[in-house]
């Protein structure tokens, strides 16, 4: 059974030192691809280096809405130049955010930066991975004005309404689901998932964030090593005291492991009333198709 992680951040400072081990473990668990999203000028080159070291990594470069205030005057030229020399790269992570953290960033600024990047993705004919928090109406309006997007737009960790799914799908959107889906009311999540065309479903971890609320004894964890103040990898042993607990009992800062995509898969399959093998196969094929431009690069 093959699984494709459609959105993660293996370059994140919290896990980059153990990224080789995390990748090795995830590959053994069946993960065959990792779409690694940059978030600012500070990490684009690191994402590029990781993709050169690991053929399973799809590099993405983009300016995340949380970091728009920190951009340099030359940020967009730097971004365009990176795409010129990296034909395998997609666009991301970009987006709009009106949540608690996004409220601290001027929304007009966010919109300006987002529009320039989504337009670039359209011109380059490459997919774009989009972060959206409490701004789905704004996002839809912009996508309707600039789209459609034949190369695809990934609505990462989608938690929008069921009603908006057909509107986004018409424009070329794919819907990617992470552990955050488990925070949505079950009936609402089921209704929304069943609106998503099967050829537009993707799975992701958003690692090191979005730890699934799965039983602790089965989760793959990235723990802090107090002796070295570096993270280390572990697989929670069976028969521990956490047998009847799930990840919601863990501290909020607990890091997510890319192998935990298997628990996202289980949850999505249960809501869709499909086997996990069926959901794994269709989401894998969707990701392969979405990133097939790399075969021509």
C-alpha atoms as a PDB file:
ATOM      1  CA  UNK A   1       0.000   0.000   0.000  1.00  0.00           C
ATOM      2  CA  UNK A   2       1.519   3.313  -1.153  1.00  0.00           C
ATOM      3  CA  UNK A   3       0.753   6.672   0.458  1.00  0.00           C
ATOM      4  CA  UNK A   4       1.771  10.166  -0.678  1.00  0.00           C
ATOM      5  CA  UNK A   5       2.186  12.966   1.883  1.00  0.00           C
ATOM      6  CA  UNK A   6       0.804  15.936  -0.068  1.00  0.00           C
ATOM      7  CA  UNK A   7       1.941  18.601   2.416  1.00  0.00           C
ATOM      8  CA  UNK A   8       4.613  18.665   5.125  1.00  0.00           C
ATOM      9  CA  UNK A   9       7.537  20.720   6.430  1.00  0.00           C
ATOM     10  CA  UNK A  10      10.522  18.413   6.893  1.00  0.00           C
ATOM     11  CA  UNK A  11      12.768  21.498   6.775  1.00  0.00           C
ATOM     12  CA  UNK A  12      11.159  22.837   9.973  1.00  0.00           C
ATOM     13  CA  UNK A  13      13.857  23.737  12.543  1.00  0.00           C
ATOM     14  CA  UNK A  14      12.088  21.541  15.105  1.00  0.00           C
ATOM     15  CA  UNK A  15      12.710  18.341  13.110  1.00  0.00           C
ATOM     16  CA  UNK A  16      15.287  19.058  10.403  1.00  0.00           C
ATOM     17  CA  UNK A  17      18.099  17.361  12.382  1.00  0.00           C
ATOM     18  CA  UNK A  18      16.194  14.072  12.456  1.00  0.00           C
ATOM     19  CA  UNK A  19      14.552  14.431   9.044  1.00  0.00           C
ATOM     20  CA  UNK A  20      16.672  11.631   7.455  1.00  0.00           C
ATOM     21  CA  UNK A  21      15.474   9.181  10.122  1.00  0.00           C
ATOM     22  CA  UNK A  22      11.868  10.381   9.856  1.00  0.00           C
ATOM     23  CA  UNK A  23      11.957   9.897   6.089  1.00  0.00           C
ATOM     24  CA  UNK A  24      13.474   6.418   6.454  1.00  0.00           C
ATOM     25  CA  UNK A  25      10.778   5.325   8.919  1.00  0.00           C
ATOM     26  CA  UNK A  26       7.952   6.850   6.855  1.00  0.00           C
ATOM     27  CA  UNK A  27       9.213   5.134   3.687  1.00  0.00           C
ATOM     28  CA  UNK A  28       9.243   1.790   5.524  1.00  0.00           C
ATOM     29  CA  UNK A  29       5.621   2.495   6.537  1.00  0.00           C
ATOM     30  CA  UNK A  30       4.648   2.961   2.871  1.00  0.00           C
ATOM     31  CA  UNK A  31       5.064   6.696   2.268  1.00  0.00           C
ATOM     32  CA  UNK A  32       6.553   7.130  -1.210  1.00  0.00           C
ATOM     33  CA  UNK A  33       6.437  10.919  -1.612  1.00  0.00           C
ATOM     34  CA  UNK A  34       6.761  14.023   0.548  1.00  0.00           C
ATOM     35  CA  UNK A  35       5.638  17.444  -0.687  1.00  0.00           C
ATOM     36  CA  UNK A  36       7.882  19.731   1.383  1.00  0.00           C
ATOM     37  CA  UNK A  37       6.643  23.312   1.567  1.00  0.00           C
ATOM     38  CA  UNK A  38       8.852  26.301   2.206  1.00  0.00           C
ATOM     39  CA  UNK A  39       7.328  29.204   4.125  1.00  0.00           C
ATOM     40  CA  UNK A  40       9.703  32.148   3.633  1.00  0.00           C
ATOM     41  CA  UNK A  41      12.888  33.283   1.945  1.00  0.00           C
ATOM     42  CA  UNK A  42      14.787  31.871   4.939  1.00  0.00           C
ATOM     43  CA  UNK A  43      14.061  28.220   4.138  1.00  0.00           C
ATOM     44  CA  UNK A  44      13.628  28.001   0.351  1.00  0.00           C
ATOM     45  CA  UNK A  45      17.242  26.979  -0.235  1.00  0.00           C
ATOM     46  CA  UNK A  46      17.078  24.344   2.512  1.00  0.00           C
ATOM     47  CA  UNK A  47      13.958  22.818   0.914  1.00  0.00           C
ATOM     48  CA  UNK A  48      15.809  22.767  -2.408  1.00  0.00           C
ATOM     49  CA  UNK A  49      18.839  21.038  -0.859  1.00  0.00           C
ATOM     50  CA  UNK A  50      16.630  18.381   0.774  1.00  0.00           C
ATOM     51  CA  UNK A  51      14.918  17.661  -2.559  1.00  0.00           C
ATOM     52  CA  UNK A  52      18.312  17.180  -4.194  1.00  0.00           C
ATOM     53  CA  UNK A  53      19.217  14.644  -1.487  1.00  0.00           C
ATOM     54  CA  UNK A  54      15.904  12.759  -1.576  1.00  0.00           C
ATOM     55  CA  UNK A  55      14.175  11.999  -4.912  1.00  0.00           C
ATOM     56  CA  UNK A  56      10.988  11.269  -2.920  1.00  0.00           C
ATOM     57  CA  UNK A  57      10.733  14.968  -1.955  1.00  0.00           C
ATOM     58  CA  UNK A  58       8.765  17.403  -4.117  1.00  0.00           C
ATOM     59  CA  UNK A  59      10.109  20.882  -3.283  1.00  0.00           C
ATOM     60  CA  UNK A  60       7.708  23.820  -2.948  1.00  0.00           C
ATOM     61  CA  UNK A  61       8.630  27.468  -2.570  1.00  0.00           C
ATOM     62  CA  UNK A  62       6.267  30.120  -1.326  1.00  0.00           C
ATOM     63  CA  UNK A  63       5.718  32.950   1.124  1.00  0.00           C
ATOM     64  CA  UNK A  64       3.303  31.875   3.870  1.00  0.00           C
ATOM     65  CA  UNK A  65       0.843  34.539   5.089  1.00  0.00           C
ATOM     66  CA  UNK A  66       2.347  34.530   8.602  1.00  0.00           C
ATOM     67  CA  UNK A  67       5.665  35.753   7.195  1.00  0.00           C
ATOM     68  CA  UNK A  68       4.614  38.388   4.654  1.00  0.00           C
ATOM     69  CA  UNK A  69       5.714  41.250   6.920  1.00  0.00           C
ATOM     70  CA  UNK A  70       9.270  39.853   6.957  1.00  0.00           C
ATOM     71  CA  UNK A  71       9.692  39.708   3.181  1.00  0.00           C
ATOM     72  CA  UNK A  72      12.566  41.572   1.546  1.00  0.00           C
ATOM     73  CA  UNK A  73      11.998  44.052  -1.300  1.00  0.00           C
ATOM     74  CA  UNK A  74      13.401  41.479  -3.748  1.00  0.00           C
ATOM     75  CA  UNK A  75      11.404  38.464  -2.478  1.00  0.00           C
ATOM     76  CA  UNK A  76       9.346  37.921  -5.620  1.00  0.00           C
ATOM     77  CA  UNK A  77      12.346  38.005  -7.955  1.00  0.00           C
ATOM     78  CA  UNK A  78      14.136  35.527  -5.686  1.00  0.00           C
ATOM     79  CA  UNK A  79      11.094  33.258  -5.842  1.00  0.00           C
ATOM     80  CA  UNK A  80      10.787  33.450  -9.630  1.00  0.00           C
ATOM     81  CA  UNK A  81      14.507  32.754 -10.058  1.00  0.00           C
ATOM     82  CA  UNK A  82      14.198  29.652  -7.879  1.00  0.00           C
ATOM     83  CA  UNK A  83      11.448  28.298 -10.119  1.00  0.00           C
ATOM     84  CA  UNK A  84      13.559  29.040 -13.198  1.00  0.00           C
ATOM     85  CA  UNK A  85      16.340  26.797 -11.901  1.00  0.00           C
ATOM     86  CA  UNK A  86      14.114  24.185 -10.194  1.00  0.00           C
ATOM     87  CA  UNK A  87      11.697  22.786 -12.782  1.00  0.00           C
ATOM     88  CA  UNK A  88      10.571  20.071 -10.351  1.00  0.00           C
ATOM     89  CA  UNK A  89       9.241  22.616  -7.817  1.00  0.00           C
ATOM     90  CA  UNK A  90       5.632  23.509  -7.055  1.00  0.00           C
ATOM     91  CA  UNK A  91       4.346  26.698  -5.395  1.00  0.00           C
ATOM     92  CA  UNK A  92       3.692  26.752  -1.659  1.00  0.00           C
ATOM     93  CA  UNK A  93       2.994  27.316   1.040  1.00  0.00           C
ATOM     94  CA  UNK A  94       0.963  30.400   0.218  1.00  0.00           C
ATOM     95  CA  UNK A  95      -2.409  31.568   1.471  1.00  0.00           C
ATOM     96  CA  UNK A  96      -4.741  33.747   3.507  1.00  0.00           C
ATOM     97  CA  UNK A  97      -5.282  33.735   7.262  1.00  0.00           C
ATOM     98  CA  UNK A  98      -7.862  35.546   9.405  1.00  0.00           C
ATOM     99  CA  UNK A  99      -7.311  33.289  12.413  1.00  0.00           C
ATOM    100  CA  UNK A 100      -5.735  34.306  15.726  1.00  0.00           C
ATOM    101  CA  UNK A 101      -2.222  34.475  14.265  1.00  0.00           C
ATOM    102  CA  UNK A 102      -3.287  35.765  10.857  1.00  0.00           C
ATOM    103  CA  UNK A 103      -5.121  38.691  12.442  1.00  0.00           C
ATOM    104  CA  UNK A 104      -1.740  40.081  13.435  1.00  0.00           C
ATOM    105  CA  UNK A 105      -0.757  40.374   9.733  1.00  0.00           C
ATOM    106  CA  UNK A 106      -2.243  43.114   7.564  1.00  0.00           C
ATOM    107  CA  UNK A 107      -4.841  41.366   5.377  1.00  0.00           C
ATOM    108  CA  UNK A 108      -4.355  43.703   2.410  1.00  0.00           C
ATOM    109  CA  UNK A 109      -0.692  42.712   2.478  1.00  0.00           C
ATOM    110  CA  UNK A 110      -1.634  39.038   2.643  1.00  0.00           C
ATOM    111  CA  UNK A 111      -3.944  39.364  -0.360  1.00  0.00           C
ATOM    112  CA  UNK A 112      -1.324  41.195  -2.436  1.00  0.00           C
ATOM    113  CA  UNK A 113       1.345  38.565  -1.724  1.00  0.00           C
ATOM    114  CA  UNK A 114      -1.066  35.679  -2.269  1.00  0.00           C
ATOM    115  CA  UNK A 115      -2.393  37.008  -5.581  1.00  0.00           C
ATOM    116  CA  UNK A 116       1.082  37.462  -7.018  1.00  0.00           C
ATOM    117  CA  UNK A 117       2.013  33.870  -6.095  1.00  0.00           C
ATOM    118  CA  UNK A 118      -1.193  32.176  -7.274  1.00  0.00           C
ATOM    119  CA  UNK A 119      -0.866  34.078 -10.542  1.00  0.00           C
ATOM    120  CA  UNK A 120       2.732  32.868 -10.838  1.00  0.00           C
ATOM    121  CA  UNK A 121       1.608  29.267 -10.274  1.00  0.00           C
ATOM    122  CA  UNK A 122      -0.933  29.633 -13.075  1.00  0.00           C
ATOM    123  CA  UNK A 123       1.684  31.083 -15.441  1.00  0.00           C
ATOM    124  CA  UNK A 124       4.207  28.359 -14.572  1.00  0.00           C
ATOM    125  CA  UNK A 125       1.516  25.667 -14.901  1.00  0.00           C
ATOM    126  CA  UNK A 126       2.469  24.186 -11.545  1.00  0.00           C
ATOM    127  CA  UNK A 127       0.338  23.227  -8.544  1.00  0.00           C
ATOM    128  CA  UNK A 128       0.052  25.611  -5.602  1.00  0.00           C
ATOM    129  CA  UNK A 129      -0.387  24.531  -1.969  1.00  0.00           C
ATOM    130  CA  UNK A 130      -2.719  26.918  -0.145  1.00  0.00           C
ATOM    131  CA  UNK A 131      -3.146  27.626   3.567  1.00  0.00           C
ATOM    132  CA  UNK A 132      -6.563  29.081   4.395  1.00  0.00           C
ATOM    133  CA  UNK A 133      -7.911  29.921   7.856  1.00  0.00           C
ATOM    134  CA  UNK A 134     -11.287  31.644   8.183  1.00  0.00           C
ATOM    135  CA  UNK A 135     -10.848  33.210   4.755  1.00  0.00           C
ATOM    136  CA  UNK A 136     -12.471  30.725   2.369  1.00  0.00           C
ATOM    137  CA  UNK A 137     -14.832  33.360   0.946  1.00  0.00           C
ATOM    138  CA  UNK A 138     -11.919  35.671   0.130  1.00  0.00           C
ATOM    139  CA  UNK A 139      -9.942  32.752  -1.305  1.00  0.00           C
ATOM    140  CA  UNK A 140     -12.801  31.670  -3.554  1.00  0.00           C
ATOM    141  CA  UNK A 141     -13.270  35.194  -4.932  1.00  0.00           C
ATOM    142  CA  UNK A 142      -9.577  35.501  -5.796  1.00  0.00           C
ATOM    143  CA  UNK A 143      -9.458  32.042  -7.377  1.00  0.00           C
ATOM    144  CA  UNK A 144     -12.567  32.810  -9.436  1.00  0.00           C
ATOM    145  CA  UNK A 145     -10.990  36.021 -10.677  1.00  0.00           C
ATOM    146  CA  UNK A 146      -7.588  34.531 -11.571  1.00  0.00           C
ATOM    147  CA  UNK A 147      -8.538  30.911 -12.332  1.00  0.00           C
ATOM    148  CA  UNK A 148      -9.226  28.302 -13.419  1.00  0.00           C
ATOM    149  CA  UNK A 149      -6.096  26.385 -12.458  1.00  0.00           C
ATOM    150  CA  UNK A 150      -5.599  23.338 -14.711  1.00  0.00           C
ATOM    151  CA  UNK A 151      -2.326  22.489 -12.929  1.00  0.00           C
ATOM    152  CA  UNK A 152      -4.198  22.278  -9.617  1.00  0.00           C
ATOM    153  CA  UNK A 153      -4.500  24.138  -6.331  1.00  0.00           C
ATOM    154  CA  UNK A 154      -4.111  22.093  -3.140  1.00  0.00           C
ATOM    155  CA  UNK A 155      -6.356  23.317  -0.323  1.00  0.00           C
ATOM    156  CA  UNK A 156      -4.105  21.982   2.406  1.00  0.00           C
ATOM    157  CA  UNK A 157      -5.673  20.712   5.665  1.00  0.00           C
ATOM    158  CA  UNK A 158      -9.066  21.599   4.236  1.00  0.00           C
ATOM    159  CA  UNK A 159     -11.636  22.432   6.930  1.00  0.00           C
ATOM    160  CA  UNK A 160     -14.017  24.502   4.823  1.00  0.00           C
ATOM    161  CA  UNK A 161     -17.709  23.838   4.306  1.00  0.00           C
ATOM    162  CA  UNK A 162     -19.241  21.078   2.211  1.00  0.00           C
ATOM    163  CA  UNK A 163     -21.122  23.737   0.238  1.00  0.00           C
ATOM    164  CA  UNK A 164     -17.931  25.386  -1.036  1.00  0.00           C
ATOM    165  CA  UNK A 165     -16.371  22.138  -2.283  1.00  0.00           C
ATOM    166  CA  UNK A 166     -18.028  22.158  -5.760  1.00  0.00           C
ATOM    167  CA  UNK A 167     -17.093  25.829  -6.318  1.00  0.00           C
ATOM    168  CA  UNK A 168     -13.431  25.189  -5.518  1.00  0.00           C
ATOM    169  CA  UNK A 169     -13.368  21.901  -7.468  1.00  0.00           C
ATOM    170  CA  UNK A 170     -14.668  23.684 -10.590  1.00  0.00           C
ATOM    171  CA  UNK A 171     -11.584  25.910 -10.475  1.00  0.00           C
ATOM    172  CA  UNK A 172      -9.140  22.999 -10.260  1.00  0.00           C
ATOM    173  CA  UNK A 173      -8.831  22.560  -6.489  1.00  0.00           C
ATOM    174  CA  UNK A 174      -7.713  19.397  -4.737  1.00  0.00           C
ATOM    175  CA  UNK A 175      -8.665  18.842  -1.093  1.00  0.00           C
ATOM    176  CA  UNK A 176      -5.926  17.614   1.217  1.00  0.00           C
ATOM    177  CA  UNK A 177      -6.731  16.195   4.652  1.00  0.00           C
ATOM    178  CA  UNK A 178      -4.499  16.065   7.730  1.00  0.00           C
ATOM    179  CA  UNK A 179      -4.872  15.227  11.421  1.00  0.00           C
ATOM    180  CA  UNK A 180      -6.654  18.574  11.830  1.00  0.00           C
ATOM    181  CA  UNK A 181      -9.721  16.910  10.268  1.00  0.00           C
ATOM    182  CA  UNK A 182     -10.170  15.042  13.554  1.00  0.00           C
ATOM    183  CA  UNK A 183     -10.956  18.348  15.284  1.00  0.00           C
ATOM    184  CA  UNK A 184     -14.036  18.845  13.104  1.00  0.00           C
ATOM    185  CA  UNK A 185     -17.405  17.461  14.239  1.00  0.00           C
ATOM    186  CA  UNK A 186     -17.759  13.979  12.756  1.00  0.00           C
ATOM    187  CA  UNK A 187     -21.033  14.583  10.914  1.00  0.00           C
ATOM    188  CA  UNK A 188     -19.786  17.858   9.449  1.00  0.00           C
ATOM    189  CA  UNK A 189     -16.522  16.219   8.342  1.00  0.00           C
ATOM    190  CA  UNK A 190     -18.369  13.272   6.799  1.00  0.00           C
ATOM    191  CA  UNK A 191     -20.757  15.573   4.892  1.00  0.00           C
ATOM    192  CA  UNK A 192     -17.863  17.641   3.566  1.00  0.00           C
ATOM    193  CA  UNK A 193     -15.707  14.643   2.604  1.00  0.00           C
ATOM    194  CA  UNK A 194     -18.553  13.038   0.673  1.00  0.00           C
ATOM    195  CA  UNK A 195     -18.833  16.201  -1.458  1.00  0.00           C
ATOM    196  CA  UNK A 196     -15.205  15.934  -2.585  1.00  0.00           C
ATOM    197  CA  UNK A 197     -14.815  14.204  -5.974  1.00  0.00           C
ATOM    198  CA  UNK A 198     -12.729  11.038  -5.486  1.00  0.00           C
ATOM    199  CA  UNK A 199     -10.230  12.254  -8.100  1.00  0.00           C
ATOM    200  CA  UNK A 200      -9.522  15.338  -5.948  1.00  0.00           C
ATOM    201  CA  UNK A 201      -8.787  13.757  -2.543  1.00  0.00           C
ATOM    202  CA  UNK A 202      -5.263  14.013  -1.105  1.00  0.00           C
ATOM    203  CA  UNK A 203      -3.764  13.013   2.246  1.00  0.00           C
ATOM    204  CA  UNK A 204      -1.089  14.877   4.206  1.00  0.00           C
ATOM    205  CA  UNK A 205       0.521  15.140   7.623  1.00  0.00           C
ATOM    206  CA  UNK A 206       1.522  18.839   7.809  1.00  0.00           C
ATOM    207  CA  UNK A 207       4.367  17.417   9.947  1.00  0.00           C
ATOM    208  CA  UNK A 208       5.677  18.482  12.386  1.00  0.00           C
ATOM    209  CA  UNK A 209       2.186  19.934  13.097  1.00  0.00           C
ATOM    210  CA  UNK A 210      -1.329  18.396  13.023  1.00  0.00           C
ATOM    211  CA  UNK A 211      -0.679  15.318  15.187  1.00  0.00           C
ATOM    212  CA  UNK A 212      -3.650  12.976  14.608  1.00  0.00           C
ATOM    213  CA  UNK A 213      -5.891  12.297  17.609  1.00  0.00           C
ATOM    214  CA  UNK A 214      -5.170   8.587  17.364  1.00  0.00           C
ATOM    215  CA  UNK A 215      -4.391   6.113  20.180  1.00  0.00           C
ATOM    216  CA  UNK A 216      -1.063   7.005  21.751  1.00  0.00           C
ATOM    217  CA  UNK A 217       0.196   3.428  21.766  1.00  0.00           C
ATOM    218  CA  UNK A 218       0.228   3.353  17.963  1.00  0.00           C
ATOM    219  CA  UNK A 219       1.385   6.845  16.986  1.00  0.00           C
ATOM    220  CA  UNK A 220       4.852   7.595  15.652  1.00  0.00           C
ATOM    221  CA  UNK A 221       6.297  10.356  17.829  1.00  0.00           C
ATOM    222  CA  UNK A 222       9.177  12.789  17.585  1.00  0.00           C
ATOM    223  CA  UNK A 223      10.353  13.383  21.120  1.00  0.00           C
ATOM    224  CA  UNK A 224      12.621  15.968  22.692  1.00  0.00           C
ATOM    225  CA  UNK A 225      15.907  14.449  23.835  1.00  0.00           C
ATOM    226  CA  UNK A 226      16.666  16.376  27.033  1.00  0.00           C
ATOM    227  CA  UNK A 227      20.289  15.183  27.109  1.00  0.00           C
ATOM    228  CA  UNK A 228      21.064  16.777  23.741  1.00  0.00           C
ATOM    229  CA  UNK A 229      18.119  19.202  23.399  1.00  0.00           C
ATOM    230  CA  UNK A 230      17.600  17.705  19.945  1.00  0.00           C
ATOM    231  CA  UNK A 231      14.495  15.823  18.868  1.00  0.00           C
ATOM    232  CA  UNK A 232      14.586  12.052  18.477  1.00  0.00           C
ATOM    233  CA  UNK A 233      12.224   9.562  16.906  1.00  0.00           C
ATOM    234  CA  UNK A 234      10.130   6.936  18.653  1.00  0.00           C
ATOM    235  CA  UNK A 235       7.151   4.667  18.111  1.00  0.00           C
ATOM    236  CA  UNK A 236       5.052   4.630  21.268  1.00  0.00           C
ATOM    237  CA  UNK A 237       5.326   1.106  22.724  1.00  0.00           C
ATOM    238  CA  UNK A 238       2.233  -1.001  23.145  1.00  0.00           C
ATOM    239  CA  UNK A 239       1.081  -1.661  26.684  1.00  0.00           C
ATOM    240  CA  UNK A 240       2.099   1.776  27.957  1.00  0.00           C
ATOM    241  CA  UNK A 241       0.087   3.777  30.471  1.00  0.00           C
ATOM    242  CA  UNK A 242      -1.363   5.727  27.558  1.00  0.00           C
ATOM    243  CA  UNK A 243      -3.222   2.682  26.279  1.00  0.00           C
ATOM    244  CA  UNK A 244      -6.671   4.310  26.493  1.00  0.00           C
ATOM    245  CA  UNK A 245      -5.522   7.820  25.702  1.00  0.00           C
ATOM    246  CA  UNK A 246      -5.259   9.593  22.378  1.00  0.00           C
ATOM    247  CA  UNK A 247      -3.060  12.404  21.129  1.00  0.00           C
ATOM    248  CA  UNK A 248      -5.522  15.043  22.370  1.00  0.00           C
ATOM    249  CA  UNK A 249      -4.077  14.382  25.844  1.00  0.00           C
ATOM    250  CA  UNK A 250      -0.565  15.258  24.639  1.00  0.00           C
ATOM    251  CA  UNK A 251       0.954  18.739  25.076  1.00  0.00           C
ATOM    252  CA  UNK A 252      -0.020  21.081  22.237  1.00  0.00           C
ATOM    253  CA  UNK A 253       3.603  21.328  21.080  1.00  0.00           C
ATOM    254  CA  UNK A 254       3.951  17.539  20.555  1.00  0.00           C
ATOM    255  CA  UNK A 255       5.571  17.021  17.165  1.00  0.00           C
ATOM    256  CA  UNK A 256       3.984  15.032  14.363  1.00  0.00           C
ATOM    257  CA  UNK A 257       5.827  12.332  12.400  1.00  0.00           C
ATOM    258  CA  UNK A 258       5.261  11.890   8.631  1.00  0.00           C
ATOM    259  CA  UNK A 259       4.528   8.177   9.146  1.00  0.00           C
ATOM    260  CA  UNK A 260       1.349   9.217  10.986  1.00  0.00           C
ATOM    261  CA  UNK A 261      -0.270   9.764   7.604  1.00  0.00           C
ATOM    262  CA  UNK A 262      -1.439   6.158   8.081  1.00  0.00           C
ATOM    263  CA  UNK A 263      -3.787   7.360  10.848  1.00  0.00           C
ATOM    264  CA  UNK A 264      -5.115  10.177   8.673  1.00  0.00           C
ATOM    265  CA  UNK A 265      -5.752   7.515   6.026  1.00  0.00           C
ATOM    266  CA  UNK A 266      -7.647   5.326   8.522  1.00  0.00           C
ATOM    267  CA  UNK A 267      -9.843   8.227   9.615  1.00  0.00           C
ATOM    268  CA  UNK A 268     -10.661   9.479   6.117  1.00  0.00           C
ATOM    269  CA  UNK A 269     -11.459   5.929   4.976  1.00  0.00           C
ATOM    270  CA  UNK A 270     -13.794   5.406   7.940  1.00  0.00           C
ATOM    271  CA  UNK A 271     -15.711   8.629   7.202  1.00  0.00           C
ATOM    272  CA  UNK A 272     -15.988   7.763   3.502  1.00  0.00           C
ATOM    273  CA  UNK A 273     -17.014   4.187   4.375  1.00  0.00           C
ATOM    274  CA  UNK A 274     -14.270   2.853   2.109  1.00  0.00           C
ATOM    275  CA  UNK A 275     -11.353   0.545   2.817  1.00  0.00           C
ATOM    276  CA  UNK A 276      -8.067   2.191   3.648  1.00  0.00           C
ATOM    277  CA  UNK A 277      -6.532   0.400   0.652  1.00  0.00           C
ATOM    278  CA  UNK A 278      -9.053   2.089  -1.662  1.00  0.00           C
ATOM    279  CA  UNK A 279      -8.449   5.551  -0.204  1.00  0.00           C
ATOM    280  CA  UNK A 280      -4.672   5.038  -0.212  1.00  0.00           C
ATOM    281  CA  UNK A 281      -4.732   4.066  -3.885  1.00  0.00           C
ATOM    282  CA  UNK A 282      -6.984   6.867  -5.105  1.00  0.00           C
ATOM    283  CA  UNK A 283      -5.168   9.570  -3.099  1.00  0.00           C
ATOM    284  CA  UNK A 284      -1.798   8.207  -4.259  1.00  0.00           C
ATOM    285  CA  UNK A 285      -2.904   8.246  -7.910  1.00  0.00           C
ATOM    286  CA  UNK A 286      -4.273  11.779  -7.487  1.00  0.00           C
ATOM    287  CA  UNK A 287      -0.917  12.971  -6.119  1.00  0.00           C
ATOM    288  CA  UNK A 288       1.029  11.228  -8.897  1.00  0.00           C
ATOM    289  CA  UNK A 289      -1.185  12.915 -11.493  1.00  0.00           C
ATOM    290  CA  UNK A 290      -0.956  16.318  -9.792  1.00  0.00           C
ATOM    291  CA  UNK A 291       2.850  16.228  -9.705  1.00  0.00           C
ATOM    292  CA  UNK A 292       3.297  14.561 -13.110  1.00  0.00           C
ATOM    293  CA  UNK A 293       4.696  17.845 -14.528  1.00  0.00           C
ATOM    294  CA  UNK A 294       7.987  16.762 -12.901  1.00  0.00           C
ATOM    295  CA  UNK A 295       8.260  13.913 -15.410  1.00  0.00           C
ATOM    296  CA  UNK A 296       8.531  16.456 -18.202  1.00  0.00           C
ATOM    297  CA  UNK A 297      11.003  18.709 -16.369  1.00  0.00           C
END
